[in-house]
């Protein structure tokens, strides 16, 4: 991956993203979040850009989970 500019917290952002192996149509887009203490968690999840696919992979409390559908939160 080539890097082009700096995003959240000065972390280098890739200029290209990996292809989704589930649908082979979209790319995996990184998402970041904030921890309980307000610290940035860079690349906490990766979500397919193809809305028909919905594949995602994420890290929660040090465990990796993946799925085939993304649903809206009730929060």
Protein backbone atom coordinates (compact mmCIF):
# COMPACT_ATOMS: atom_id res chain seq x y z
CA UNK A 1 0.00 0.00 0.00
CA UNK A 2 1.18 3.46 -0.79
CA UNK A 3 0.71 6.18 1.78
CA UNK A 4 -0.21 9.70 0.84
CA UNK A 5 -1.27 11.87 3.75
CA UNK A 6 -1.81 11.88 7.47
CA UNK A 7 -5.24 11.41 8.97
CA UNK A 8 -6.51 11.09 12.52
CA UNK A 9 -3.81 11.74 15.10
CA UNK A 10 -1.04 12.06 12.52
CA UNK A 11 -1.32 8.41 11.46
CA UNK A 12 -0.45 7.83 7.80
CA UNK A 13 -3.53 7.03 5.70
CA UNK A 14 -3.13 4.62 2.78
CA UNK A 15 -3.88 6.00 -0.68
CA UNK A 16 -5.32 2.62 -1.74
CA UNK A 17 -7.38 0.18 0.28
CA UNK A 18 -7.47 -3.63 0.17
CA UNK A 19 -10.10 -5.30 -2.00
CA UNK A 20 -12.96 -7.05 -0.23
CA UNK A 21 -12.43 -10.79 -0.61
CA UNK A 22 -16.09 -11.48 0.21
CA UNK A 23 -17.73 -9.67 -2.75
CA UNK A 24 -14.68 -8.68 -4.83
CA UNK A 25 -16.53 -5.46 -5.81
CA UNK A 26 -15.82 -3.14 -2.90
CA UNK A 27 -12.77 -2.12 -0.90
CA UNK A 28 -12.25 -2.32 2.85
CA UNK A 29 -12.44 1.14 4.39
CA UNK A 30 -10.89 1.70 7.85
CA UNK A 31 -12.95 3.14 10.68
CA UNK A 32 -11.58 4.54 13.92
CA UNK A 33 -13.13 5.09 17.34
CA UNK A 34 -12.34 6.37 20.81
CA UNK A 35 -11.72 4.21 23.88
CA UNK A 36 -13.29 4.58 27.31
CA UNK A 37 -10.59 7.03 28.37
CA UNK A 38 -10.91 9.08 25.18
CA UNK A 39 -7.79 7.67 23.52
CA UNK A 40 -8.01 7.25 19.75
CA UNK A 41 -8.29 3.67 18.48
CA UNK A 42 -7.06 3.88 14.91
CA UNK A 43 -8.37 1.26 12.46
CA UNK A 44 -10.72 -0.38 14.97
CA UNK A 45 -12.84 -1.77 12.14
CA UNK A 46 -12.73 -2.29 8.39
CA UNK A 47 -16.00 -2.20 6.41
CA UNK A 48 -16.68 -3.09 2.78
CA UNK A 49 -17.60 -0.06 0.67
CA UNK A 50 -20.15 -2.12 -1.29
CA UNK A 51 -23.50 -1.63 0.54
CA UNK A 52 -24.84 -4.88 -0.90
CA UNK A 53 -21.97 -6.83 0.71
CA UNK A 54 -21.76 -5.38 4.22
CA UNK A 55 -18.70 -7.43 5.25
CA UNK A 56 -16.80 -6.07 8.25
CA UNK A 57 -13.98 -7.00 10.58
CA UNK A 58 -13.38 -5.31 13.92
CA UNK A 59 -11.45 -5.42 17.18
CA UNK A 60 -13.35 -5.40 20.49
CA UNK A 61 -11.49 -5.74 23.78
CA UNK A 62 -8.56 -7.34 21.99
CA UNK A 63 -10.69 -9.93 20.15
CA UNK A 64 -11.21 -9.92 16.38
CA UNK A 65 -14.73 -10.47 15.07
CA UNK A 66 -15.95 -10.56 11.51
CA UNK A 67 -19.30 -10.78 9.86
CA UNK A 68 -21.18 -10.62 6.63
CA UNK A 69 -23.75 -7.97 7.55
CA UNK A 70 -23.49 -4.53 9.09
CA UNK A 71 -26.53 -3.38 11.03
CA UNK A 72 -27.43 -0.02 12.49
CA UNK A 73 -26.85 0.54 16.17
CA UNK A 74 -29.77 1.34 18.47
CA UNK A 75 -27.62 3.94 20.28
